[in-house]
Amino acid sequence: MIKQSLLLLAALALMAACGQRPSENLDVDMDVVDVGELQISSETMNDIIQNIASPIEVAALISSMNIPFSTSYLADPEKLSTSTTSVEMAYSLGALSADLGYLNMYEKTGTAVNYLSSINRLADALQIGQFFDFTTIKRMATTSSNLDSLMFISINSFNNMDDYLRETDRSNLSTVMIAGVWMEGLYLATQVAMQNSSEELKSMIGEQKLILNDLLLVLNNFKNEEVIQAYIADLEAIKVIYDEVKITYEVGEPKTIEKDGMLMVIQSESSHVSMSDETLQKIIEVTEQVRNMQMNIKA
């Protein structure tokens, strides 16, 4: 089974390991501030994407804790596949991708097919279905022996869709899709943390403070769009609680490695998350409230 070594979510997944430190010097073009938007370079966008915790890593950590699989953590694929606006569809596509990573980690291939079908419908509706080889992915999803190939093809599919959205001036949809993946991944982690004590999981949840800041920066680039304003407000509500989380960094001893016949010096760095149990509980509660409101789930 593929575990921590995979840094991208299976079947339309994205984002690299949360252990990496998010970017601090974002490349923002201040020359266009007067028009009301901050233009964020594609390099910066890629940097943010690569530092968002992959739900496949969340699922891998949960699986390694021997926590039983539960469908109660998952969104309803049929409900999300009926989203109306393009922004809502992009967000739903991201959320379903996060759930699909959890399903694949537990090798729930039968259930995964339902999520693949909904993702396919959303991709077609967003006119990016040409990058999603549904037939091949569905066939591979029916057997765990093809999990490696399934993830490879799925990652390629997502990357192509993400690139195409940005190339066709639909970066707003790409950004919202990323937000959907992140939100559903955070929900999954916090739901498990609610009933299972784990310092590693707690630290992973705490580190999302930095990712959240980056997401809000990118989303605010499209704050003039009414639908996206709602997602910004949701994340701002979570950020209020995350402001209580403190993250510090410790520089380790430099290491010398050989690469391509040359010696390279690598500077190591470790992070430390300081978060009380009370703050964790508040993050769990606000995450559940926001996510269920987005999914139209009554408490």
C-alpha atoms as a PDB file:
ATOM      1  CA  MET A   1       0.000   0.000   0.000  1.00  0.00           C
ATOM      2  CA  ILE A   2       1.226   3.485  -0.756  1.00  0.00           C
ATOM      3  CA  LYS A   3       1.772   5.506   2.419  1.00  0.00           C
ATOM      4  CA  GLN A   4       3.779   8.595   3.306  1.00  0.00           C
ATOM      5  CA  SER A   5       5.930   8.414   0.197  1.00  0.00           C
ATOM      6  CA  LEU A   6       3.010   9.628  -1.924  1.00  0.00           C
ATOM      7  CA  LEU A   7       2.675  13.373  -1.652  1.00  0.00           C
ATOM      8  CA  LEU A   8      -0.302  13.727  -3.959  1.00  0.00           C
ATOM      9  CA  LEU A   9      -3.895  12.691  -3.524  1.00  0.00           C
ATOM     10  CA  ALA A  10      -5.154   9.739  -5.514  1.00  0.00           C
ATOM     11  CA  ALA A  11      -7.686  10.446  -8.203  1.00  0.00           C
ATOM     12  CA  LEU A  12      -7.509  14.174  -8.757  1.00  0.00           C
ATOM     13  CA  ALA A  13      -5.464  14.808  -5.664  1.00  0.00           C
ATOM     14  CA  LEU A  14      -2.862  17.418  -5.169  1.00  0.00           C
ATOM     15  CA  MET A  15      -0.580  19.107  -2.753  1.00  0.00           C
ATOM     16  CA  ALA A  16       2.593  18.009  -1.029  1.00  0.00           C
ATOM     17  CA  ALA A  17       3.435  17.002   2.504  1.00  0.00           C
ATOM     18  CA  CYS A  18       2.397  19.291   5.329  1.00  0.00           C
ATOM     19  CA  GLY A  19       5.813  18.850   6.894  1.00  0.00           C
ATOM     20  CA  GLN A  20       7.212  21.380   4.453  1.00  0.00           C
ATOM     21  CA  ARG A  21       7.301  24.983   5.544  1.00  0.00           C
ATOM     22  CA  PRO A  22       4.892  27.162   3.552  1.00  0.00           C
ATOM     23  CA  SER A  23       6.238  30.028   1.548  1.00  0.00           C
ATOM     24  CA  GLU A  24       6.807  33.269   3.406  1.00  0.00           C
ATOM     25  CA  ASN A  25       7.804  35.567   0.546  1.00  0.00           C
ATOM     26  CA  LEU A  26       4.851  35.428  -1.800  1.00  0.00           C
ATOM     27  CA  ASP A  27       5.406  36.917  -5.238  1.00  0.00           C
ATOM     28  CA  VAL A  28       2.699  39.565  -5.505  1.00  0.00           C
ATOM     29  CA  ASP A  29       2.643  42.092  -8.321  1.00  0.00           C
ATOM     30  CA  MET A  30       1.946  45.359  -6.536  1.00  0.00           C
ATOM     31  CA  ASP A  31       1.769  47.271  -9.838  1.00  0.00           C
ATOM     32  CA  VAL A  32      -1.861  46.261 -10.253  1.00  0.00           C
ATOM     33  CA  VAL A  33      -3.108  46.980  -6.743  1.00  0.00           C
ATOM     34  CA  ASP A  34      -4.983  50.023  -8.008  1.00  0.00           C
ATOM     35  CA  VAL A  35      -7.394  47.838  -9.963  1.00  0.00           C
ATOM     36  CA  GLY A  36      -8.480  46.064  -6.798  1.00  0.00           C
ATOM     37  CA  GLU A  37      -6.742  42.713  -7.259  1.00  0.00           C
ATOM     38  CA  LEU A  38      -3.372  41.252  -6.367  1.00  0.00           C
ATOM     39  CA  GLN A  39      -1.917  39.307  -9.269  1.00  0.00           C
ATOM     40  CA  ILE A  40      -0.202  36.174  -7.965  1.00  0.00           C
ATOM     41  CA  SER A  41       2.368  34.559 -10.211  1.00  0.00           C
ATOM     42  CA  SER A  42       2.024  30.953 -11.368  1.00  0.00           C
ATOM     43  CA  GLU A  43       5.279  30.153  -9.542  1.00  0.00           C
ATOM     44  CA  THR A  44       3.773  31.396  -6.272  1.00  0.00           C
ATOM     45  CA  MET A  45       0.568  29.485  -6.911  1.00  0.00           C
ATOM     46  CA  ASN A  46       2.562  26.298  -7.501  1.00  0.00           C
ATOM     47  CA  ASP A  47       4.518  26.948  -4.315  1.00  0.00           C
ATOM     48  CA  ILE A  48       1.308  27.270  -2.310  1.00  0.00           C
ATOM     49  CA  ILE A  49      -0.171  24.137  -3.886  1.00  0.00           C
ATOM     50  CA  GLN A  50       2.923  22.088  -3.092  1.00  0.00           C
ATOM     51  CA  ASN A  51       2.790  23.083   0.552  1.00  0.00           C
ATOM     52  CA  ILE A  52      -0.845  22.216   1.199  1.00  0.00           C
ATOM     53  CA  ALA A  53      -1.218  19.027   3.201  1.00  0.00           C
ATOM     54  CA  SER A  54      -2.282  16.143   1.046  1.00  0.00           C
ATOM     55  CA  PRO A  55      -5.378  14.338   2.309  1.00  0.00           C
ATOM     56  CA  ILE A  56      -3.610  11.130   1.289  1.00  0.00           C
ATOM     57  CA  GLU A  57      -1.102  11.879   4.046  1.00  0.00           C
ATOM     58  CA  VAL A  58      -3.895  12.550   6.489  1.00  0.00           C
ATOM     59  CA  ALA A  59      -5.457   9.233   5.496  1.00  0.00           C
ATOM     60  CA  ALA A  60      -2.097   7.468   5.737  1.00  0.00           C
ATOM     61  CA  LEU A  61      -1.558   8.780   9.252  1.00  0.00           C
ATOM     62  CA  ILE A  62      -5.058   7.743  10.293  1.00  0.00           C
ATOM     63  CA  SER A  63      -4.555   4.293   8.796  1.00  0.00           C
ATOM     64  CA  SER A  64      -1.202   3.901  10.577  1.00  0.00           C
ATOM     65  CA  MET A  65      -2.996   4.607  13.871  1.00  0.00           C
ATOM     66  CA  ASN A  66      -5.145   1.520  13.195  1.00  0.00           C
ATOM     67  CA  ILE A  67      -8.295   3.617  13.247  1.00  0.00           C
ATOM     68  CA  PRO A  68     -11.186   1.790  11.545  1.00  0.00           C
ATOM     69  CA  PHE A  69     -12.589   3.108   8.289  1.00  0.00           C
ATOM     70  CA  SER A  70     -15.793   5.111   8.646  1.00  0.00           C
ATOM     71  CA  THR A  71     -18.154   6.383   5.958  1.00  0.00           C
ATOM     72  CA  SER A  72     -19.406   8.999   8.432  1.00  0.00           C
ATOM     73  CA  TYR A  73     -16.383  11.166   7.580  1.00  0.00           C
ATOM     74  CA  LEU A  74     -17.280  11.355   3.899  1.00  0.00           C
ATOM     75  CA  ALA A  75     -19.341  13.801   1.880  1.00  0.00           C
ATOM     76  CA  ASP A  76     -22.291  12.629  -0.194  1.00  0.00           C
ATOM     77  CA  PRO A  77     -21.018  12.351  -3.802  1.00  0.00           C
ATOM     78  CA  GLU A  78     -24.520  12.440  -5.282  1.00  0.00           C
ATOM     79  CA  LYS A  79     -25.395  15.667  -3.481  1.00  0.00           C
ATOM     80  CA  LEU A  80     -22.136  17.399  -4.424  1.00  0.00           C
ATOM     81  CA  SER A  81     -22.306  16.350  -8.065  1.00  0.00           C
ATOM     82  CA  THR A  82     -25.521  18.373  -8.430  1.00  0.00           C
ATOM     83  CA  SER A  83     -23.816  21.688  -7.594  1.00  0.00           C
ATOM     84  CA  THR A  84     -25.046  24.520  -9.796  1.00  0.00           C
ATOM     85  CA  THR A  85     -22.469  27.276 -10.301  1.00  0.00           C
ATOM     86  CA  SER A  86     -19.007  26.623 -11.718  1.00  0.00           C
ATOM     87  CA  VAL A  87     -17.413  27.802  -8.463  1.00  0.00           C
ATOM     88  CA  GLU A  88     -19.527  25.385  -6.423  1.00  0.00           C
ATOM     89  CA  MET A  89     -18.694  22.556  -8.821  1.00  0.00           C
ATOM     90  CA  ALA A  90     -14.968  23.284  -8.537  1.00  0.00           C
ATOM     91  CA  TYR A  91     -15.179  23.273  -4.751  1.00  0.00           C
ATOM     92  CA  SER A  92     -17.160  20.021  -4.766  1.00  0.00           C
ATOM     93  CA  LEU A  93     -14.635  18.427  -7.105  1.00  0.00           C
ATOM     94  CA  GLY A  94     -11.890  19.248  -4.607  1.00  0.00           C
ATOM     95  CA  ALA A  95     -13.849  17.938  -1.630  1.00  0.00           C
ATOM     96  CA  LEU A  96     -14.686  14.663  -3.365  1.00  0.00           C
ATOM     97  CA  SER A  97     -11.023  14.269  -4.305  1.00  0.00           C
ATOM     98  CA  ALA A  98     -10.060  14.451  -0.646  1.00  0.00           C
ATOM     99  CA  ASP A  99     -12.608  11.789   0.251  1.00  0.00           C
ATOM    100  CA  LEU A 100     -11.377   9.627  -2.609  1.00  0.00           C
ATOM    101  CA  GLY A 101      -7.872   9.689  -1.149  1.00  0.00           C
ATOM    102  CA  TYR A 102      -9.267   8.371   2.135  1.00  0.00           C
ATOM    103  CA  LEU A 103     -11.192   5.630   0.333  1.00  0.00           C
ATOM    104  CA  ASN A 104      -8.146   4.548  -1.666  1.00  0.00           C
ATOM    105  CA  MET A 105      -5.954   4.415   1.428  1.00  0.00           C
ATOM    106  CA  TYR A 106      -8.389   1.947   2.965  1.00  0.00           C
ATOM    107  CA  GLU A 107      -8.814   0.170  -0.393  1.00  0.00           C
ATOM    108  CA  LYS A 108     -12.574   0.733  -0.471  1.00  0.00           C
ATOM    109  CA  THR A 109     -12.619   0.343  -4.229  1.00  0.00           C
ATOM    110  CA  GLY A 110     -16.352  -0.325  -4.556  1.00  0.00           C
ATOM    111  CA  THR A 111     -17.312   2.907  -2.825  1.00  0.00           C
ATOM    112  CA  ALA A 112     -14.561   4.783  -4.668  1.00  0.00           C
ATOM    113  CA  VAL A 113     -16.285   4.140  -7.993  1.00  0.00           C
ATOM    114  CA  ASN A 114     -19.253   6.247  -6.853  1.00  0.00           C
ATOM    115  CA  TYR A 115     -16.920   9.131  -6.094  1.00  0.00           C
ATOM    116  CA  LEU A 116     -15.148   8.709  -9.415  1.00  0.00           C
ATOM    117  CA  SER A 117     -18.483   8.930 -11.223  1.00  0.00           C
ATOM    118  CA  SER A 118     -19.389  12.168  -9.460  1.00  0.00           C
ATOM    119  CA  ILE A 119     -15.938  13.630 -10.076  1.00  0.00           C
ATOM    120  CA  ASN A 120     -16.294  12.745 -13.749  1.00  0.00           C
ATOM    121  CA  ARG A 121     -19.638  14.541 -13.978  1.00  0.00           C
ATOM    122  CA  LEU A 122     -18.219  17.633 -12.312  1.00  0.00           C
ATOM    123  CA  ALA A 123     -15.151  17.628 -14.559  1.00  0.00           C
ATOM    124  CA  ASP A 124     -17.358  17.395 -17.659  1.00  0.00           C
ATOM    125  CA  ALA A 125     -19.568  20.216 -16.416  1.00  0.00           C
ATOM    126  CA  LEU A 126     -16.494  22.394 -15.910  1.00  0.00           C
ATOM    127  CA  GLN A 127     -15.328  21.504 -19.438  1.00  0.00           C
ATOM    128  CA  ILE A 128     -12.161  19.832 -18.181  1.00  0.00           C
ATOM    129  CA  GLY A 129     -13.402  16.270 -18.529  1.00  0.00           C
ATOM    130  CA  GLN A 130     -11.093  15.728 -21.506  1.00  0.00           C
ATOM    131  CA  PHE A 131      -8.242  15.474 -19.007  1.00  0.00           C
ATOM    132  CA  PHE A 132     -10.009  12.848 -16.912  1.00  0.00           C
ATOM    133  CA  ASP A 133      -9.710   9.298 -18.280  1.00  0.00           C
ATOM    134  CA  PHE A 134     -12.726   8.013 -16.401  1.00  0.00           C
ATOM    135  CA  THR A 135     -12.873   4.612 -18.089  1.00  0.00           C
ATOM    136  CA  THR A 136      -9.272   3.729 -17.277  1.00  0.00           C
ATOM    137  CA  ILE A 137      -9.383   5.150 -13.761  1.00  0.00           C
ATOM    138  CA  LYS A 138     -12.635   3.360 -12.980  1.00  0.00           C
ATOM    139  CA  ARG A 139     -11.187   0.049 -14.177  1.00  0.00           C
ATOM    140  CA  MET A 140      -8.081   0.503 -12.028  1.00  0.00           C
ATOM    141  CA  ALA A 141     -10.154   1.532  -9.017  1.00  0.00           C
ATOM    142  CA  THR A 142     -11.786  -1.881  -8.923  1.00  0.00           C
ATOM    143  CA  THR A 143      -8.584  -3.619  -7.903  1.00  0.00           C
ATOM    144  CA  SER A 144      -6.063  -2.626  -5.253  1.00  0.00           C
ATOM    145  CA  SER A 145      -3.271  -4.239  -7.272  1.00  0.00           C
ATOM    146  CA  ASN A 146      -3.470  -1.302  -9.669  1.00  0.00           C
ATOM    147  CA  LEU A 147      -3.308   1.351  -6.954  1.00  0.00           C
ATOM    148  CA  ASP A 148       0.106   2.643  -8.048  1.00  0.00           C
ATOM    149  CA  SER A 149      -1.020   3.161 -11.629  1.00  0.00           C
ATOM    150  CA  LEU A 150      -4.349   4.613 -10.501  1.00  0.00           C
ATOM    151  CA  MET A 151      -2.592   7.293  -8.489  1.00  0.00           C
ATOM    152  CA  PHE A 152      -0.146   8.112 -11.274  1.00  0.00           C
ATOM    153  CA  ILE A 153      -2.871   8.575 -13.888  1.00  0.00           C
ATOM    154  CA  SER A 154      -5.094  10.471 -11.466  1.00  0.00           C
ATOM    155  CA  ILE A 155      -2.345  12.888 -10.506  1.00  0.00           C
ATOM    156  CA  ASN A 156      -1.609  13.552 -14.167  1.00  0.00           C
ATOM    157  CA  SER A 157      -5.313  14.142 -14.779  1.00  0.00           C
ATOM    158  CA  PHE A 158      -5.574  16.695 -11.999  1.00  0.00           C
ATOM    159  CA  ASN A 159      -2.407  18.525 -12.963  1.00  0.00           C
ATOM    160  CA  ASN A 160      -3.631  18.844 -16.553  1.00  0.00           C
ATOM    161  CA  MET A 161      -7.012  20.131 -15.413  1.00  0.00           C
ATOM    162  CA  ASP A 162      -5.443  22.607 -13.010  1.00  0.00           C
ATOM    163  CA  ASP A 163      -3.071  23.890 -15.715  1.00  0.00           C
ATOM    164  CA  TYR A 164      -5.907  24.208 -18.211  1.00  0.00           C
ATOM    165  CA  LEU A 165      -8.091  26.160 -15.816  1.00  0.00           C
ATOM    166  CA  ARG A 166      -5.316  28.677 -15.283  1.00  0.00           C
ATOM    167  CA  GLU A 167      -4.399  28.831 -18.959  1.00  0.00           C
ATOM    168  CA  THR A 168      -8.006  29.636 -19.836  1.00  0.00           C
ATOM    169  CA  ASP A 169      -8.226  32.439 -17.282  1.00  0.00           C
ATOM    170  CA  ARG A 170     -10.163  30.371 -14.760  1.00  0.00           C
ATOM    171  CA  SER A 171      -7.694  30.565 -11.915  1.00  0.00           C
ATOM    172  CA  ASN A 172     -10.609  31.317  -9.624  1.00  0.00           C
ATOM    173  CA  LEU A 173     -11.922  27.777 -10.168  1.00  0.00           C
ATOM    174  CA  SER A 174      -8.487  26.250  -9.640  1.00  0.00           C
ATOM    175  CA  THR A 175      -8.127  28.124  -6.355  1.00  0.00           C
ATOM    176  CA  VAL A 176     -11.572  27.137  -5.102  1.00  0.00           C
ATOM    177  CA  MET A 177     -10.868  23.511  -6.031  1.00  0.00           C
ATOM    178  CA  ILE A 178      -7.750  23.647  -3.867  1.00  0.00           C
ATOM    179  CA  ALA A 179      -9.783  25.112  -1.015  1.00  0.00           C
ATOM    180  CA  GLY A 180     -12.229  22.216  -1.311  1.00  0.00           C
ATOM    181  CA  VAL A 181      -9.444  19.651  -1.026  1.00  0.00           C
ATOM    182  CA  TRP A 182      -7.938  21.427   1.980  1.00  0.00           C
ATOM    183  CA  MET A 183     -11.223  21.888   3.821  1.00  0.00           C
ATOM    184  CA  GLU A 184     -12.325  18.282   3.430  1.00  0.00           C
ATOM    185  CA  GLY A 185      -8.865  17.050   4.439  1.00  0.00           C
ATOM    186  CA  LEU A 186      -8.963  19.209   7.577  1.00  0.00           C
ATOM    187  CA  TYR A 187     -12.436  17.927   8.379  1.00  0.00           C
ATOM    188  CA  LEU A 188     -11.266  14.337   8.072  1.00  0.00           C
ATOM    189  CA  ALA A 189      -8.282  14.968  10.362  1.00  0.00           C
ATOM    190  CA  THR A 190     -10.292  16.825  13.005  1.00  0.00           C
ATOM    191  CA  GLN A 191     -13.078  14.262  13.075  1.00  0.00           C
ATOM    192  CA  VAL A 192     -10.568  11.533  13.832  1.00  0.00           C
ATOM    193  CA  ALA A 193      -8.776  13.722  16.395  1.00  0.00           C
ATOM    194  CA  MET A 194     -12.062  14.234  18.199  1.00  0.00           C
ATOM    195  CA  GLN A 195     -12.078  10.604  19.319  1.00  0.00           C
ATOM    196  CA  ASN A 196      -8.418   9.592  19.050  1.00  0.00           C
ATOM    197  CA  SER A 197      -5.550  11.218  20.917  1.00  0.00           C
ATOM    198  CA  SER A 198      -2.435  11.582  18.759  1.00  0.00           C
ATOM    199  CA  GLU A 199       0.288  14.188  19.076  1.00  0.00           C
ATOM    200  CA  GLU A 200       1.294  13.626  15.460  1.00  0.00           C
ATOM    201  CA  LEU A 201      -2.240  14.233  14.214  1.00  0.00           C
ATOM    202  CA  LYS A 202      -2.580  17.230  16.531  1.00  0.00           C
ATOM    203  CA  SER A 203       0.636  18.692  15.119  1.00  0.00           C
ATOM    204  CA  MET A 204      -0.545  18.125  11.546  1.00  0.00           C
ATOM    205  CA  ILE A 205      -3.769  19.970  12.321  1.00  0.00           C
ATOM    206  CA  GLY A 206      -1.870  22.831  13.961  1.00  0.00           C
ATOM    207  CA  GLU A 207       0.448  23.266  10.977  1.00  0.00           C
ATOM    208  CA  GLN A 208      -2.544  24.035   8.797  1.00  0.00           C
ATOM    209  CA  LYS A 209      -2.475  27.555  10.238  1.00  0.00           C
ATOM    210  CA  LEU A 210       0.190  28.531   7.723  1.00  0.00           C
ATOM    211  CA  ILE A 211      -1.560  26.819   4.847  1.00  0.00           C
ATOM    212  CA  LEU A 212      -4.785  28.600   5.737  1.00  0.00           C
ATOM    213  CA  ASN A 213      -3.042  31.970   5.547  1.00  0.00           C
ATOM    214  CA  ASP A 214      -1.784  31.180   2.031  1.00  0.00           C
ATOM    215  CA  LEU A 215      -5.211  29.969   0.918  1.00  0.00           C
ATOM    216  CA  LEU A 216      -6.861  33.152   2.113  1.00  0.00           C
ATOM    217  CA  LEU A 217      -4.298  35.253   0.295  1.00  0.00           C
ATOM    218  CA  VAL A 218      -5.044  33.507  -2.983  1.00  0.00           C
ATOM    219  CA  LEU A 219      -8.812  33.461  -2.498  1.00  0.00           C
ATOM    220  CA  ASN A 220      -8.840  37.167  -1.721  1.00  0.00           C
ATOM    221  CA  ASN A 221      -7.511  37.696  -5.219  1.00  0.00           C
ATOM    222  CA  PHE A 222     -11.072  36.867  -6.328  1.00  0.00           C
ATOM    223  CA  LYS A 223     -12.971  38.541  -3.502  1.00  0.00           C
ATOM    224  CA  ASN A 224     -15.042  40.566  -5.978  1.00  0.00           C
ATOM    225  CA  GLU A 225     -16.897  37.372  -6.894  1.00  0.00           C
ATOM    226  CA  GLU A 226     -19.884  36.973  -4.594  1.00  0.00           C
ATOM    227  CA  VAL A 227     -19.768  33.168  -4.472  1.00  0.00           C
ATOM    228  CA  ILE A 228     -16.096  33.171  -3.510  1.00  0.00           C
ATOM    229  CA  GLN A 229     -16.770  35.760  -0.792  1.00  0.00           C
ATOM    230  CA  ALA A 230     -18.738  33.077   1.044  1.00  0.00           C
ATOM    231  CA  TYR A 231     -15.781  30.684   1.003  1.00  0.00           C
ATOM    232  CA  ILE A 232     -13.476  33.450   2.220  1.00  0.00           C
ATOM    233  CA  ALA A 233     -15.841  34.165   5.118  1.00  0.00           C
ATOM    234  CA  ASP A 234     -15.882  30.469   6.017  1.00  0.00           C
ATOM    235  CA  LEU A 235     -12.095  30.253   6.124  1.00  0.00           C
ATOM    236  CA  GLU A 236     -11.841  33.521   8.048  1.00  0.00           C
ATOM    237  CA  ALA A 237     -14.034  31.971  10.747  1.00  0.00           C
ATOM    238  CA  ILE A 238     -11.564  29.117  11.046  1.00  0.00           C
ATOM    239  CA  LYS A 239      -8.596  31.496  10.984  1.00  0.00           C
ATOM    240  CA  VAL A 240      -9.900  33.300  14.080  1.00  0.00           C
ATOM    241  CA  ILE A 241      -9.331  30.102  16.063  1.00  0.00           C
ATOM    242  CA  TYR A 242      -6.049  29.279  14.348  1.00  0.00           C
ATOM    243  CA  ASP A 243      -4.672  32.622  15.533  1.00  0.00           C
ATOM    244  CA  GLU A 244      -4.322  30.909  18.928  1.00  0.00           C
ATOM    245  CA  VAL A 245      -1.876  28.362  17.466  1.00  0.00           C
ATOM    246  CA  LYS A 246       1.846  29.166  17.762  1.00  0.00           C
ATOM    247  CA  ILE A 247       4.404  27.674  15.377  1.00  0.00           C
ATOM    248  CA  THR A 248       8.148  27.991  15.878  1.00  0.00           C
ATOM    249  CA  TYR A 249      11.055  26.723  13.815  1.00  0.00           C
ATOM    250  CA  GLU A 250      14.382  25.253  14.834  1.00  0.00           C
ATOM    251  CA  VAL A 251      17.325  25.209  12.456  1.00  0.00           C
ATOM    252  CA  GLY A 252      19.226  21.954  12.579  1.00  0.00           C
ATOM    253  CA  GLU A 253      22.778  21.057  11.664  1.00  0.00           C
ATOM    254  CA  PRO A 254      23.550  21.323   7.942  1.00  0.00           C
ATOM    255  CA  LYS A 255      24.003  18.019   6.132  1.00  0.00           C
ATOM    256  CA  THR A 256      26.263  17.232   3.200  1.00  0.00           C
ATOM    257  CA  ILE A 257      24.912  14.961   0.481  1.00  0.00           C
ATOM    258  CA  GLU A 258      26.170  13.830  -2.914  1.00  0.00           C
ATOM    259  CA  LYS A 259      23.969  14.492  -5.926  1.00  0.00           C
ATOM    260  CA  ASP A 260      24.926  14.059  -9.572  1.00  0.00           C
ATOM    261  CA  GLY A 261      28.552  13.688  -8.588  1.00  0.00           C
ATOM    262  CA  MET A 262      28.577  16.944  -6.626  1.00  0.00           C
ATOM    263  CA  LEU A 263      28.562  17.664  -2.915  1.00  0.00           C
ATOM    264  CA  MET A 264      25.616  19.738  -1.703  1.00  0.00           C
ATOM    265  CA  VAL A 265      24.941  21.266   1.705  1.00  0.00           C
ATOM    266  CA  ILE A 266      21.341  20.890   2.872  1.00  0.00           C
ATOM    267  CA  GLN A 267      20.043  23.017   5.733  1.00  0.00           C
ATOM    268  CA  SER A 268      17.559  21.093   7.845  1.00  0.00           C
ATOM    269  CA  GLU A 269      14.715  22.698   9.749  1.00  0.00           C
ATOM    270  CA  SER A 270      12.048  21.390  12.093  1.00  0.00           C
ATOM    271  CA  SER A 271       8.817  22.984  13.226  1.00  0.00           C
ATOM    272  CA  HIS A 272       7.099  22.872  16.590  1.00  0.00           C
ATOM    273  CA  VAL A 273       3.388  23.441  17.037  1.00  0.00           C
ATOM    274  CA  SER A 274       2.128  24.852  20.310  1.00  0.00           C
ATOM    275  CA  MET A 275      -1.618  24.353  20.663  1.00  0.00           C
ATOM    276  CA  SER A 276      -3.706  23.721  23.748  1.00  0.00           C
ATOM    277  CA  ASP A 277      -6.317  20.998  23.894  1.00  0.00           C
ATOM    278  CA  GLU A 278      -8.934  23.735  24.251  1.00  0.00           C
ATOM    279  CA  THR A 279      -7.808  25.356  20.995  1.00  0.00           C
ATOM    280  CA  LEU A 280      -7.800  21.988  19.232  1.00  0.00           C
ATOM    281  CA  GLN A 281     -11.370  21.416  20.393  1.00  0.00           C
ATOM    282  CA  LYS A 282     -12.418  24.803  19.033  1.00  0.00           C
ATOM    283  CA  ILE A 283     -10.765  24.024  15.679  1.00  0.00           C
ATOM    284  CA  ILE A 284     -12.625  20.714  15.570  1.00  0.00           C
ATOM    285  CA  GLU A 285     -15.931  22.435  16.288  1.00  0.00           C
ATOM    286  CA  VAL A 286     -15.576  25.318  13.832  1.00  0.00           C
ATOM    287  CA  THR A 287     -14.286  22.991  11.095  1.00  0.00           C
ATOM    288  CA  GLU A 288     -17.268  20.684  11.526  1.00  0.00           C
ATOM    289  CA  GLN A 289     -19.669  23.624  11.550  1.00  0.00           C
ATOM    290  CA  VAL A 290     -18.229  25.237   8.406  1.00  0.00           C
ATOM    291  CA  ARG A 291     -17.844  22.014   6.453  1.00  0.00           C
ATOM    292  CA  ASN A 292     -21.339  20.748   7.238  1.00  0.00           C
ATOM    293  CA  MET A 293     -22.824  24.126   6.367  1.00  0.00           C
ATOM    294  CA  GLN A 294     -21.058  23.976   3.002  1.00  0.00           C
ATOM    295  CA  MET A 295     -22.364  20.464   2.447  1.00  0.00           C
ATOM    296  CA  ASN A 296     -25.877  21.434   3.556  1.00  0.00           C
ATOM    297  CA  ILE A 297     -25.712  18.930   6.407  1.00  0.00           C
ATOM    298  CA  LYS A 298     -27.916  19.724   9.419  1.00  0.00           C
ATOM    299  CA  ALA A 299     -26.436  19.179  12.857  1.00  0.00           C
END
